[in-house]
Amino acid sequence: MLCIQSLASARSLAKWPKRRSRPCVCFKSDSKESLFFWRLQNSFVYLQNNKNTKHMSNLVIKRRGRPAGTSKQATPAAVSTFDPAAMRIVTGAELTFDESIFRPMRTDTIIDDILSTNRGLMSATNMIICGGPGSGKTTIVLDMMSKWTRQGYKTLFVSGEMDEIGYYKYCRRMPNIANVPTLFLKNYSTSVKEALEHAFQEGYEIIAIDSVAEVVDMYKDAYRTTESAAELWFLDLQTRHKKGGNDENMYTAFINIQQVTKSGDFSGSNRLKHMTDAMCSIKKEKDGDTRTVSFSKNRDCDTSNSIQFRIGLNQVEYSYPEADDADFEGEPG
C-alpha cells in the first residue's frame, strides 16, 4: 500500500509505470492545497481537502469516455410482425388505381419528351436525377417545379442543402423559381423523420428533394442508425405516398436529386438505383455551358432520347442535341 500525504507524493504516483499493476493507495494530507488530481492511465482521482479534519476526503473516481460495458449502438430499424394471413398474391388484372395516374403533368417544354411516353411527368413515380457539382441538377428541377406550380399542380421542394438566405439569393438570380413552396430541412435536422412525414401527409402531386444524401445523413445522425436503415425508411416513405397514402389521397411523384462521387459514380447504394422508377443523369460539357439530360432507366418512357439545356441570365433554355444557339427555347424574358 502506498500512503499519499502531500501533493508532491500524489504527483509522483502519477508517474507510476503503466505496465505495472495499479497500486492500492491510502490518502492522507495536512496540506493547504484545496484540490488536486491524480491521473493514472485512463482514470481521474479527485481529492478534496476537508477543512474540518485537515485530511483529504470526498474521494471521487471518474473515468474518461463512455462508462464500462456500454457502447454506441445503432437504433434498430422497426421490424413488423409477419402475418401470413395478410399476404396477397394478385394478378395485374386484379389491381385497380385511379385513372389520374395515367395523366401526364407537363412543363410545356421539350423536356416533357423524355419524362414519359405520354410527354410529361407521370403521377405515382419516383426518379433520381444525379450529376456532379455545378451540373445544374437543382436548377433544372426548380425550373420544372416552377412551371408545374404555375399550372396549378400542388408542389413541394425539400431543400436539404440550402438555407433561407442561400435560396433567397438563388431566387434573385432565377426569379422564375420564386413561386415554388419550399421546406428548409436544415431547420429540422434533429427530427427529420417527423418533419418529412408530417409535411408529406398533407398530400402533394409533385415533391422534389435536394438531396437524397443530405436526408439520409440527417436521418443517420438524428437517430444514430445505419445508412441502410435510413435508405429503407426513405424509400418506404415515398412508396407510401406514391400509392396515395396521404390526407388528399394523391399519387405523389417524387424527383430525388442525388450527388455523384469525384470519379463520377452514383453516390448511394444499389438499392436506391433499383427501387426507383427512373434514373436520370446530367452531364456538363467541359468547354461551354451546355448540359445534357438523359435517362439510363425510365419505366414510364420507351424511348432513349436526350435533351440539352443551358442556364441563362434568369431562365433555363432547352434544346435537342446538336441544336444551334437559335434552337434553344426558354420563357420570354
C-alpha atoms as a PDB file:
ATOM      1  CA  MET A   1       0.000   0.000   0.000  1.00  0.00           C
ATOM      2  CA  LEU A   2       1.208   3.489  -0.870  1.00  0.00           C
ATOM      3  CA  CYS A   3       0.494   6.349   1.506  1.00  0.00           C
ATOM      4  CA  ILE A   4      -0.089   9.771  -0.050  1.00  0.00           C
ATOM      5  CA  GLN A   5       0.446  12.582   2.445  1.00  0.00           C
ATOM      6  CA  SER A   6       1.142  15.522   0.156  1.00  0.00           C
ATOM      7  CA  LEU A   7       0.522  16.966  -3.265  1.00  0.00           C
ATOM      8  CA  ALA A   8       4.112  16.129  -4.239  1.00  0.00           C
ATOM      9  CA  SER A   9       3.548  12.474  -3.348  1.00  0.00           C
ATOM     10  CA  ALA A  10       0.416  12.362  -5.447  1.00  0.00           C
ATOM     11  CA  ARG A  11       2.258  13.799  -8.429  1.00  0.00           C
ATOM     12  CA  SER A  12       4.947  11.152  -8.016  1.00  0.00           C
ATOM     13  CA  LEU A  13       2.283   8.484  -8.134  1.00  0.00           C
ATOM     14  CA  ALA A  14       1.092   9.866 -11.445  1.00  0.00           C
ATOM     15  CA  LYS A  15       4.406   8.723 -12.930  1.00  0.00           C
ATOM     16  CA  TRP A  16       3.767   5.102 -11.928  1.00  0.00           C
ATOM     17  CA  PRO A  17       4.628   2.897 -14.949  1.00  0.00           C
ATOM     18  CA  LYS A  18       1.568   1.882 -16.954  1.00  0.00           C
ATOM     19  CA  ARG A  19       2.921  -1.639 -17.378  1.00  0.00           C
ATOM     20  CA  ARG A  20       2.751  -2.325 -13.644  1.00  0.00           C
ATOM     21  CA  SER A  21      -0.407  -3.251 -11.827  1.00  0.00           C
ATOM     22  CA  ARG A  22      -2.233  -0.377 -10.168  1.00  0.00           C
ATOM     23  CA  PRO A  23      -1.167   0.096  -6.519  1.00  0.00           C
ATOM     24  CA  CYS A  24      -3.503   0.215  -3.559  1.00  0.00           C
ATOM     25  CA  VAL A  25      -3.481   3.807  -2.300  1.00  0.00           C
ATOM     26  CA  CYS A  26      -4.186   5.423   1.072  1.00  0.00           C
ATOM     27  CA  PHE A  27      -4.652   9.223   1.046  1.00  0.00           C
ATOM     28  CA  LYS A  28      -3.657  11.428   3.995  1.00  0.00           C
ATOM     29  CA  SER A  29      -2.675  15.069   3.984  1.00  0.00           C
ATOM     30  CA  ASP A  30      -2.440  18.189   6.093  1.00  0.00           C
ATOM     31  CA  SER A  31      -1.608  20.212   3.012  1.00  0.00           C
ATOM     32  CA  LYS A  32      -3.287  23.550   2.456  1.00  0.00           C
ATOM     33  CA  GLU A  33      -3.934  22.512  -1.133  1.00  0.00           C
ATOM     34  CA  SER A  34      -7.689  22.530  -1.555  1.00  0.00           C
ATOM     35  CA  LEU A  35      -7.817  20.414  -4.710  1.00  0.00           C
ATOM     36  CA  PHE A  36      -5.523  18.314  -6.834  1.00  0.00           C
ATOM     37  CA  PHE A  37      -5.924  15.324  -9.088  1.00  0.00           C
ATOM     38  CA  TRP A  38      -4.022  12.193  -9.877  1.00  0.00           C
ATOM     39  CA  ARG A  39      -4.221  10.734 -13.359  1.00  0.00           C
ATOM     40  CA  LEU A  40      -3.222   7.120 -13.870  1.00  0.00           C
ATOM     41  CA  GLN A  41      -3.838   5.545 -17.249  1.00  0.00           C
ATOM     42  CA  ASN A  42      -7.497   6.220 -18.083  1.00  0.00           C
ATOM     43  CA  SER A  43      -8.775   7.301 -14.638  1.00  0.00           C
ATOM     44  CA  PHE A  44      -9.018  10.584 -12.772  1.00  0.00           C
ATOM     45  CA  VAL A  45      -8.992  10.605  -8.967  1.00  0.00           C
ATOM     46  CA  TYR A  46     -10.104  13.885  -7.428  1.00  0.00           C
ATOM     47  CA  LEU A  47      -9.065  14.705  -3.838  1.00  0.00           C
ATOM     48  CA  GLN A  48     -10.865  17.428  -1.939  1.00  0.00           C
ATOM     49  CA  ASN A  49      -9.371  18.934   1.247  1.00  0.00           C
ATOM     50  CA  ASN A  50     -11.686  18.668   4.225  1.00  0.00           C
ATOM     51  CA  LYS A  51     -11.230  21.918   6.193  1.00  0.00           C
ATOM     52  CA  ASN A  52     -12.569  20.426   9.445  1.00  0.00           C
ATOM     53  CA  THR A  53     -10.280  17.406   9.677  1.00  0.00           C
ATOM     54  CA  LYS A  54      -7.441  18.741   7.549  1.00  0.00           C
ATOM     55  CA  HIS A  55      -7.310  15.374   5.803  1.00  0.00           C
ATOM     56  CA  MET A  56      -8.076  14.503   2.218  1.00  0.00           C
ATOM     57  CA  SER A  57     -11.606  13.160   1.810  1.00  0.00           C
ATOM     58  CA  ASN A  58     -14.512  13.025  -0.642  1.00  0.00           C
ATOM     59  CA  LEU A  59     -12.765  10.639  -2.999  1.00  0.00           C
ATOM     60  CA  VAL A  60     -14.402  10.642  -6.432  1.00  0.00           C
ATOM     61  CA  ILE A  61     -13.275   8.474  -9.321  1.00  0.00           C
ATOM     62  CA  LYS A  62     -14.275   9.459 -12.863  1.00  0.00           C
ATOM     63  CA  ARG A  63     -13.359   7.585 -15.994  1.00  0.00           C
ATOM     64  CA  ARG A  64     -12.911   9.312 -19.329  1.00  0.00           C
ATOM     65  CA  GLY A  65     -15.178   8.388 -22.203  1.00  0.00           C
ATOM     66  CA  ARG A  66     -18.138   6.038 -22.204  1.00  0.00           C
ATOM     67  CA  PRO A  67     -18.880   4.046 -18.989  1.00  0.00           C
ATOM     68  CA  ALA A  68     -17.563   0.500 -18.953  1.00  0.00           C
ATOM     69  CA  GLY A  69     -19.818  -2.075 -20.512  1.00  0.00           C
ATOM     70  CA  THR A  70     -21.577   0.388 -22.813  1.00  0.00           C
ATOM     71  CA  SER A  71     -21.068   1.162 -26.468  1.00  0.00           C
ATOM     72  CA  LYS A  72     -22.589   3.385 -29.099  1.00  0.00           C
ATOM     73  CA  GLN A  73     -25.267   1.284 -30.711  1.00  0.00           C
ATOM     74  CA  ALA A  74     -27.312   1.976 -33.799  1.00  0.00           C
ATOM     75  CA  THR A  75     -31.015   2.485 -33.308  1.00  0.00           C
ATOM     76  CA  PRO A  76     -32.590  -0.743 -34.609  1.00  0.00           C
ATOM     77  CA  ALA A  77     -34.920  -0.409 -37.554  1.00  0.00           C
ATOM     78  CA  ALA A  78     -38.561  -1.062 -36.805  1.00  0.00           C
ATOM     79  CA  VAL A  79     -39.435  -4.682 -37.546  1.00  0.00           C
ATOM     80  CA  SER A  80     -43.067  -5.570 -38.180  1.00  0.00           C
ATOM     81  CA  THR A  81     -44.522  -8.926 -37.212  1.00  0.00           C
ATOM     82  CA  PHE A  82     -45.221 -11.089 -40.240  1.00  0.00           C
ATOM     83  CA  ASP A  83     -48.826 -12.197 -40.607  1.00  0.00           C
ATOM     84  CA  PRO A  84     -49.196 -14.994 -43.181  1.00  0.00           C
ATOM     85  CA  ALA A  85     -52.956 -14.440 -43.326  1.00  0.00           C
ATOM     86  CA  ALA A  86     -52.386 -10.895 -44.607  1.00  0.00           C
ATOM     87  CA  MET A  87     -50.284 -11.974 -47.596  1.00  0.00           C
ATOM     88  CA  ARG A  88     -51.849 -11.248 -51.004  1.00  0.00           C
ATOM     89  CA  ILE A  89     -50.802 -12.664 -54.354  1.00  0.00           C
ATOM     90  CA  VAL A  90     -52.601 -10.916 -57.208  1.00  0.00           C
ATOM     91  CA  THR A  91     -52.600 -10.656 -60.974  1.00  0.00           C
ATOM     92  CA  GLY A  92     -52.300  -7.422 -62.904  1.00  0.00           C
ATOM     93  CA  ALA A  93     -55.959  -7.727 -63.899  1.00  0.00           C
ATOM     94  CA  GLU A  94     -56.974  -7.578 -60.237  1.00  0.00           C
ATOM     95  CA  LEU A  95     -55.149  -4.320 -59.490  1.00  0.00           C
ATOM     96  CA  THR A  96     -57.113  -1.064 -59.631  1.00  0.00           C
ATOM     97  CA  PHE A  97     -55.934   2.522 -59.235  1.00  0.00           C
ATOM     98  CA  ASP A  98     -57.428   5.881 -60.067  1.00  0.00           C
ATOM     99  CA  GLU A  99     -57.112   6.852 -63.733  1.00  0.00           C
ATOM    100  CA  SER A 100     -55.291  10.032 -62.707  1.00  0.00           C
ATOM    101  CA  ILE A 101     -52.022   8.089 -62.598  1.00  0.00           C
ATOM    102  CA  PHE A 102     -52.151   7.983 -66.426  1.00  0.00           C
ATOM    103  CA  ARG A 103     -52.440  11.750 -66.884  1.00  0.00           C
ATOM    104  CA  PRO A 104     -49.041  13.340 -67.534  1.00  0.00           C
ATOM    105  CA  MET A 105     -48.072  16.550 -65.773  1.00  0.00           C
ATOM    106  CA  ARG A 106     -46.396  18.706 -68.400  1.00  0.00           C
ATOM    107  CA  THR A 107     -43.961  21.594 -68.234  1.00  0.00           C
ATOM    108  CA  ASP A 108     -44.787  22.562 -71.840  1.00  0.00           C
ATOM    109  CA  THR A 109     -41.101  22.383 -72.759  1.00  0.00           C
ATOM    110  CA  ILE A 110     -39.246  19.725 -74.723  1.00  0.00           C
ATOM    111  CA  ILE A 111     -38.092  18.036 -71.533  1.00  0.00           C
ATOM    112  CA  ASP A 112     -41.592  16.505 -71.431  1.00  0.00           C
ATOM    113  CA  ASP A 113     -40.497  14.277 -74.332  1.00  0.00           C
ATOM    114  CA  ILE A 114     -38.073  12.287 -72.190  1.00  0.00           C
ATOM    115  CA  LEU A 115     -40.058  12.246 -68.935  1.00  0.00           C
ATOM    116  CA  SER A 116     -42.574   9.723 -70.277  1.00  0.00           C
ATOM    117  CA  THR A 117     -44.029   8.245 -73.438  1.00  0.00           C
ATOM    118  CA  ASN A 118     -47.134  10.348 -72.757  1.00  0.00           C
ATOM    119  CA  ARG A 119     -44.968  13.507 -72.661  1.00  0.00           C
ATOM    120  CA  GLY A 120     -44.733  14.757 -69.105  1.00  0.00           C
ATOM    121  CA  LEU A 121     -44.118  13.544 -65.582  1.00  0.00           C
ATOM    122  CA  MET A 122     -46.413  10.700 -64.560  1.00  0.00           C
ATOM    123  CA  SER A 123     -48.044  10.513 -61.144  1.00  0.00           C
ATOM    124  CA  ALA A 124     -47.060   7.789 -58.676  1.00  0.00           C
ATOM    125  CA  THR A 125     -43.462   7.600 -59.810  1.00  0.00           C
ATOM    126  CA  ASN A 126     -40.106   8.316 -58.238  1.00  0.00           C
ATOM    127  CA  MET A 127     -36.964   9.197 -60.133  1.00  0.00           C
ATOM    128  CA  ILE A 128     -33.395  10.109 -59.307  1.00  0.00           C
ATOM    129  CA  ILE A 129     -31.559  12.924 -61.070  1.00  0.00           C
ATOM    130  CA  CYS A 130     -27.821  12.769 -60.481  1.00  0.00           C
ATOM    131  CA  GLY A 131     -24.841  14.773 -61.643  1.00  0.00           C
ATOM    132  CA  GLY A 132     -21.641  16.373 -60.488  1.00  0.00           C
ATOM    133  CA  PRO A 133     -21.290  19.685 -58.645  1.00  0.00           C
ATOM    134  CA  GLY A 134     -22.354  22.591 -60.843  1.00  0.00           C
ATOM    135  CA  SER A 135     -24.027  20.366 -63.426  1.00  0.00           C
ATOM    136  CA  GLY A 136     -27.361  22.140 -62.945  1.00  0.00           C
ATOM    137  CA  LYS A 137     -29.356  19.458 -61.099  1.00  0.00           C
ATOM    138  CA  THR A 138     -31.051  21.805 -58.652  1.00  0.00           C
ATOM    139  CA  THR A 139     -31.640  24.493 -61.277  1.00  0.00           C
ATOM    140  CA  ILE A 140     -33.391  22.265 -63.805  1.00  0.00           C
ATOM    141  CA  VAL A 141     -35.524  20.628 -61.094  1.00  0.00           C
ATOM    142  CA  LEU A 142     -36.594  24.003 -59.685  1.00  0.00           C
ATOM    143  CA  ASP A 143     -37.321  25.238 -63.204  1.00  0.00           C
ATOM    144  CA  MET A 144     -39.659  22.290 -63.809  1.00  0.00           C
ATOM    145  CA  MET A 145     -41.242  22.710 -60.374  1.00  0.00           C
ATOM    146  CA  SER A 146     -41.937  26.386 -61.051  1.00  0.00           C
ATOM    147  CA  LYS A 147     -43.706  25.530 -64.316  1.00  0.00           C
ATOM    148  CA  TRP A 148     -45.860  22.865 -62.661  1.00  0.00           C
ATOM    149  CA  THR A 149     -46.688  25.256 -59.817  1.00  0.00           C
ATOM    150  CA  ARG A 150     -47.866  27.946 -62.248  1.00  0.00           C
ATOM    151  CA  GLN A 151     -50.142  25.416 -63.913  1.00  0.00           C
ATOM    152  CA  GLY A 152     -51.851  24.716 -60.602  1.00  0.00           C
ATOM    153  CA  TYR A 153     -50.204  21.479 -59.518  1.00  0.00           C
ATOM    154  CA  LYS A 154     -49.576  21.114 -55.797  1.00  0.00           C
ATOM    155  CA  THR A 155     -45.797  21.002 -55.399  1.00  0.00           C
ATOM    156  CA  LEU A 156     -43.201  20.939 -52.641  1.00  0.00           C
ATOM    157  CA  PHE A 157     -39.450  21.447 -52.852  1.00  0.00           C
ATOM    158  CA  VAL A 158     -37.469  19.996 -49.916  1.00  0.00           C
ATOM    159  CA  SER A 159     -34.136  21.773 -49.580  1.00  0.00           C
ATOM    160  CA  GLY A 160     -31.618  19.841 -47.530  1.00  0.00           C
ATOM    161  CA  GLU A 161     -28.589  21.764 -48.808  1.00  0.00           C
ATOM    162  CA  MET A 162     -29.666  25.416 -48.990  1.00  0.00           C
ATOM    163  CA  ASP A 163     -30.940  27.547 -46.134  1.00  0.00           C
ATOM    164  CA  GLU A 164     -33.284  30.515 -46.470  1.00  0.00           C
ATOM    165  CA  ILE A 165     -30.544  33.029 -47.324  1.00  0.00           C
ATOM    166  CA  GLY A 166     -28.998  30.780 -49.960  1.00  0.00           C
ATOM    167  CA  TYR A 167     -32.399  30.173 -51.528  1.00  0.00           C
ATOM    168  CA  TYR A 168     -33.238  33.882 -51.463  1.00  0.00           C
ATOM    169  CA  LYS A 169     -30.075  34.632 -53.433  1.00  0.00           C
ATOM    170  CA  TYR A 170     -30.941  31.810 -55.832  1.00  0.00           C
ATOM    171  CA  CYS A 171     -34.376  33.323 -56.454  1.00  0.00           C
ATOM    172  CA  ARG A 172     -32.885  36.754 -57.112  1.00  0.00           C
ATOM    173  CA  ARG A 173     -30.740  35.223 -59.831  1.00  0.00           C
ATOM    174  CA  MET A 174     -33.538  32.972 -61.177  1.00  0.00           C
ATOM    175  CA  PRO A 175     -36.780  34.849 -60.383  1.00  0.00           C
ATOM    176  CA  ASN A 176     -38.959  32.295 -62.184  1.00  0.00           C
ATOM    177  CA  ILE A 177     -38.449  29.756 -59.374  1.00  0.00           C
ATOM    178  CA  ALA A 178     -39.588  32.052 -56.564  1.00  0.00           C
ATOM    179  CA  ASN A 179     -43.147  30.624 -56.638  1.00  0.00           C
ATOM    180  CA  VAL A 180     -42.197  27.103 -55.510  1.00  0.00           C
ATOM    181  CA  PRO A 181     -43.304  26.167 -51.933  1.00  0.00           C
ATOM    182  CA  THR A 182     -40.139  25.124 -50.077  1.00  0.00           C
ATOM    183  CA  LEU A 183     -39.323  23.251 -46.859  1.00  0.00           C
ATOM    184  CA  PHE A 184     -35.860  24.020 -45.445  1.00  0.00           C
ATOM    185  CA  LEU A 185     -34.856  20.742 -43.863  1.00  0.00           C
ATOM    186  CA  LYS A 186     -31.825  22.108 -42.017  1.00  0.00           C
ATOM    187  CA  ASN A 187     -34.275  23.666 -39.558  1.00  0.00           C
ATOM    188  CA  TYR A 188     -35.406  20.155 -38.581  1.00  0.00           C
ATOM    189  CA  SER A 189     -32.125  18.220 -38.712  1.00  0.00           C
ATOM    190  CA  THR A 190     -32.740  16.542 -35.341  1.00  0.00           C
ATOM    191  CA  SER A 191     -36.300  15.498 -36.235  1.00  0.00           C
ATOM    192  CA  VAL A 192     -36.032  14.890 -39.964  1.00  0.00           C
ATOM    193  CA  LYS A 193     -38.260  11.801 -39.900  1.00  0.00           C
ATOM    194  CA  GLU A 194     -41.120  13.528 -38.113  1.00  0.00           C
ATOM    195  CA  ALA A 195     -40.770  16.695 -40.236  1.00  0.00           C
ATOM    196  CA  LEU A 196     -40.929  14.923 -43.604  1.00  0.00           C
ATOM    197  CA  GLU A 197     -43.676  12.518 -42.600  1.00  0.00           C
ATOM    198  CA  HIS A 198     -45.778  15.420 -41.314  1.00  0.00           C
ATOM    199  CA  ALA A 199     -45.181  17.563 -44.412  1.00  0.00           C
ATOM    200  CA  PHE A 200     -45.847  14.760 -46.908  1.00  0.00           C
ATOM    201  CA  GLN A 201     -49.039  13.726 -45.127  1.00  0.00           C
ATOM    202  CA  GLU A 202     -50.712  16.906 -46.379  1.00  0.00           C
ATOM    203  CA  GLY A 203     -50.662  15.412 -49.874  1.00  0.00           C
ATOM    204  CA  TYR A 204     -48.728  16.750 -52.887  1.00  0.00           C
ATOM    205  CA  GLU A 205     -48.789  15.914 -56.566  1.00  0.00           C
ATOM    206  CA  ILE A 206     -45.053  16.505 -57.027  1.00  0.00           C
ATOM    207  CA  ILE A 207     -42.289  16.542 -54.396  1.00  0.00           C
ATOM    208  CA  ALA A 208     -38.655  17.282 -55.217  1.00  0.00           C
ATOM    209  CA  ILE A 209     -35.907  16.502 -52.694  1.00  0.00           C
ATOM    210  CA  ASP A 210     -32.444  18.073 -52.725  1.00  0.00           C
ATOM    211  CA  SER A 211     -30.690  15.853 -51.933  1.00  0.00           C
ATOM    212  CA  VAL A 212     -31.033  12.169 -51.062  1.00  0.00           C
ATOM    213  CA  ALA A 213     -27.555  12.166 -49.497  1.00  0.00           C
ATOM    214  CA  GLU A 214     -28.422  15.028 -47.129  1.00  0.00           C
ATOM    215  CA  VAL A 215     -31.687  13.436 -45.993  1.00  0.00           C
ATOM    216  CA  VAL A 216     -30.004  10.080 -45.380  1.00  0.00           C
ATOM    217  CA  ASP A 217     -27.142  11.695 -43.446  1.00  0.00           C
ATOM    218  CA  MET A 218     -29.532  13.755 -41.303  1.00  0.00           C
ATOM    219  CA  TYR A 219     -31.547  10.633 -40.518  1.00  0.00           C
ATOM    220  CA  LYS A 220     -28.419   8.671 -39.563  1.00  0.00           C
ATOM    221  CA  ASP A 221     -27.178  11.437 -37.270  1.00  0.00           C
ATOM    222  CA  ALA A 222     -30.534  12.173 -35.648  1.00  0.00           C
ATOM    223  CA  TYR A 223     -31.453   8.568 -34.874  1.00  0.00           C
ATOM    224  CA  ARG A 224     -27.955   7.001 -34.647  1.00  0.00           C
ATOM    225  CA  THR A 225     -28.719   4.352 -37.209  1.00  0.00           C
ATOM    226  CA  THR A 226     -27.154   2.907 -40.331  1.00  0.00           C
ATOM    227  CA  GLU A 227     -27.224   4.139 -43.904  1.00  0.00           C
ATOM    228  CA  SER A 228     -29.133   1.029 -44.922  1.00  0.00           C
ATOM    229  CA  ALA A 229     -31.863   1.700 -42.346  1.00  0.00           C
ATOM    230  CA  ALA A 230     -32.067   5.360 -43.406  1.00  0.00           C
ATOM    231  CA  GLU A 231     -32.447   4.458 -47.077  1.00  0.00           C
ATOM    232  CA  LEU A 232     -35.094   1.863 -46.258  1.00  0.00           C
ATOM    233  CA  TRP A 233     -37.157   4.449 -44.347  1.00  0.00           C
ATOM    234  CA  PHE A 234     -36.682   6.964 -47.184  1.00  0.00           C
ATOM    235  CA  LEU A 235     -37.887   4.548 -49.895  1.00  0.00           C
ATOM    236  CA  ASP A 236     -40.790   3.237 -47.794  1.00  0.00           C
ATOM    237  CA  LEU A 237     -41.955   6.809 -47.189  1.00  0.00           C
ATOM    238  CA  GLN A 238     -42.033   7.532 -50.914  1.00  0.00           C
ATOM    239  CA  THR A 239     -43.733   4.228 -51.730  1.00  0.00           C
ATOM    240  CA  ARG A 240     -46.498   5.011 -49.257  1.00  0.00           C
ATOM    241  CA  HIS A 241     -47.223   8.385 -50.845  1.00  0.00           C
ATOM    242  CA  LYS A 242     -46.882   7.069 -54.392  1.00  0.00           C
ATOM    243  CA  LYS A 243     -49.844   4.852 -53.510  1.00  0.00           C
ATOM    244  CA  GLY A 244     -51.875   7.786 -52.214  1.00  0.00           C
ATOM    245  CA  GLY A 245     -51.184   7.271 -48.504  1.00  0.00           C
ATOM    246  CA  ASN A 246     -51.792  10.905 -47.529  1.00  0.00           C
ATOM    247  CA  ASP A 247     -54.680  13.128 -46.468  1.00  0.00           C
ATOM    248  CA  GLU A 248     -55.551  14.083 -50.071  1.00  0.00           C
ATOM    249  CA  ASN A 249     -55.132  10.552 -51.490  1.00  0.00           C
ATOM    250  CA  MET A 250     -52.717  11.996 -54.054  1.00  0.00           C
ATOM    251  CA  TYR A 251     -50.459   9.677 -56.016  1.00  0.00           C
ATOM    252  CA  THR A 252     -47.306  11.658 -55.434  1.00  0.00           C
ATOM    253  CA  ALA A 253     -44.484  11.836 -57.978  1.00  0.00           C
ATOM    254  CA  PHE A 254     -41.005  12.217 -56.459  1.00  0.00           C
ATOM    255  CA  ILE A 255     -37.938  13.802 -58.052  1.00  0.00           C
ATOM    256  CA  ASN A 256     -34.855  12.985 -55.988  1.00  0.00           C
ATOM    257  CA  ILE A 257     -31.628  14.875 -56.563  1.00  0.00           C
ATOM    258  CA  GLN A 258     -28.526  12.851 -55.835  1.00  0.00           C
ATOM    259  CA  GLN A 259     -24.812  13.539 -55.866  1.00  0.00           C
ATOM    260  CA  VAL A 260     -22.041  11.645 -57.612  1.00  0.00           C
ATOM    261  CA  THR A 261     -18.561  10.836 -56.371  1.00  0.00           C
ATOM    262  CA  LYS A 262     -15.401  12.554 -57.606  1.00  0.00           C
ATOM    263  CA  SER A 263     -14.932   9.735 -60.103  1.00  0.00           C
ATOM    264  CA  GLY A 264     -18.439  10.334 -61.468  1.00  0.00           C
ATOM    265  CA  ASP A 265     -20.065   7.264 -59.918  1.00  0.00           C
ATOM    266  CA  PHE A 266     -23.519   7.295 -58.360  1.00  0.00           C
ATOM    267  CA  SER A 267     -23.374   8.175 -54.670  1.00  0.00           C
ATOM    268  CA  GLY A 268     -25.586   5.701 -52.880  1.00  0.00           C
ATOM    269  CA  SER A 269     -26.411   2.026 -52.638  1.00  0.00           C
ATOM    270  CA  ASN A 270     -27.699  -0.205 -55.412  1.00  0.00           C
ATOM    271  CA  ARG A 271     -30.982  -0.341 -53.521  1.00  0.00           C
ATOM    272  CA  LEU A 272     -31.640   3.306 -54.388  1.00  0.00           C
ATOM    273  CA  LYS A 273     -30.986   2.666 -58.066  1.00  0.00           C
ATOM    274  CA  HIS A 274     -33.077  -0.497 -58.287  1.00  0.00           C
ATOM    275  CA  MET A 275     -36.023   0.668 -56.160  1.00  0.00           C
ATOM    276  CA  THR A 276     -36.714   3.830 -58.167  1.00  0.00           C
ATOM    277  CA  ASP A 277     -38.675   4.039 -61.411  1.00  0.00           C
ATOM    278  CA  ALA A 278     -36.223   6.209 -63.342  1.00  0.00           C
ATOM    279  CA  MET A 279     -32.524   7.124 -63.289  1.00  0.00           C
ATOM    280  CA  CYS A 280     -31.556  10.391 -64.948  1.00  0.00           C
ATOM    281  CA  SER A 281     -28.078  11.874 -65.302  1.00  0.00           C
ATOM    282  CA  ILE A 282     -26.902  15.373 -66.159  1.00  0.00           C
ATOM    283  CA  LYS A 283     -23.513  15.988 -67.719  1.00  0.00           C
ATOM    284  CA  LYS A 284     -21.949  19.349 -68.374  1.00  0.00           C
ATOM    285  CA  GLU A 285     -19.594  19.915 -71.270  1.00  0.00           C
ATOM    286  CA  LYS A 286     -16.038  20.651 -70.221  1.00  0.00           C
ATOM    287  CA  ASP A 287     -15.898  23.608 -72.568  1.00  0.00           C
ATOM    288  CA  GLY A 288     -19.087  25.613 -72.649  1.00  0.00           C
ATOM    289  CA  ASP A 289     -22.275  25.899 -70.630  1.00  0.00           C
ATOM    290  CA  THR A 290     -24.401  23.254 -72.343  1.00  0.00           C
ATOM    291  CA  ARG A 291     -25.689  20.346 -70.245  1.00  0.00           C
ATOM    292  CA  THR A 292     -27.120  17.030 -71.477  1.00  0.00           C
ATOM    293  CA  VAL A 293     -30.009  15.256 -69.748  1.00  0.00           C
ATOM    294  CA  SER A 294     -30.536  11.547 -70.416  1.00  0.00           C
ATOM    295  CA  PHE A 295     -32.153   8.522 -68.762  1.00  0.00           C
ATOM    296  CA  SER A 296     -30.439   5.186 -68.229  1.00  0.00           C
ATOM    297  CA  LYS A 297     -33.723   3.758 -66.932  1.00  0.00           C
ATOM    298  CA  ASN A 298     -37.269   5.053 -67.204  1.00  0.00           C
ATOM    299  CA  ARG A 299     -40.232   2.744 -66.676  1.00  0.00           C
ATOM    300  CA  ASP A 300     -42.615   5.426 -67.949  1.00  0.00           C
ATOM    301  CA  CYS A 301     -40.816   6.028 -71.236  1.00  0.00           C
ATOM    302  CA  ASP A 302     -39.932   3.573 -74.000  1.00  0.00           C
ATOM    303  CA  THR A 303     -37.528   5.904 -75.805  1.00  0.00           C
ATOM    304  CA  SER A 304     -33.919   6.749 -75.038  1.00  0.00           C
ATOM    305  CA  ASN A 305     -33.812  10.324 -76.234  1.00  0.00           C
ATOM    306  CA  SER A 306     -31.837  13.064 -74.542  1.00  0.00           C
ATOM    307  CA  ILE A 307     -32.194  16.823 -74.416  1.00  0.00           C
ATOM    308  CA  GLN A 308     -29.844  19.693 -73.685  1.00  0.00           C
ATOM    309  CA  PHE A 309     -30.238  22.823 -71.606  1.00  0.00           C
ATOM    310  CA  ARG A 310     -28.378  25.987 -70.765  1.00  0.00           C
ATOM    311  CA  ILE A 311     -28.733  28.207 -67.730  1.00  0.00           C
ATOM    312  CA  GLY A 312     -29.254  31.750 -68.987  1.00  0.00           C
ATOM    313  CA  LEU A 313     -29.193  35.008 -67.133  1.00  0.00           C
ATOM    314  CA  ASN A 314     -32.560  34.413 -65.462  1.00  0.00           C
ATOM    315  CA  GLN A 315     -34.021  31.277 -67.053  1.00  0.00           C
ATOM    316  CA  VAL A 316     -33.326  27.747 -68.294  1.00  0.00           C
ATOM    317  CA  GLU A 317     -33.263  27.206 -72.051  1.00  0.00           C
ATOM    318  CA  TYR A 318     -33.884  23.769 -73.612  1.00  0.00           C
ATOM    319  CA  SER A 319     -32.957  22.222 -76.959  1.00  0.00           C
ATOM    320  CA  TYR A 320     -32.478  18.914 -78.719  1.00  0.00           C
ATOM    321  CA  PRO A 321     -28.908  17.609 -79.082  1.00  0.00           C
ATOM    322  CA  GLU A 322     -26.695  19.285 -81.703  1.00  0.00           C
ATOM    323  CA  ALA A 323     -29.007  22.269 -81.898  1.00  0.00           C
ATOM    324  CA  ASP A 324     -27.855  25.704 -82.942  1.00  0.00           C
ATOM    325  CA  ASP A 325     -27.974  28.590 -80.493  1.00  0.00           C
ATOM    326  CA  ALA A 326     -31.204  29.790 -82.101  1.00  0.00           C
ATOM    327  CA  ASP A 327     -32.899  26.461 -81.327  1.00  0.00           C
ATOM    328  CA  PHE A 328     -32.699  26.832 -77.536  1.00  0.00           C
ATOM    329  CA  GLU A 329     -36.131  27.583 -76.129  1.00  0.00           C
ATOM    330  CA  GLY A 330     -36.997  29.316 -72.892  1.00  0.00           C
ATOM    331  CA  GLU A 331     -39.554  31.525 -71.332  1.00  0.00           C
ATOM    332  CA  PRO A 332     -39.883  35.063 -72.578  1.00  0.00           C
ATOM    333  CA  GLY A 333     -37.666  37.423 -70.601  1.00  0.00           C
END
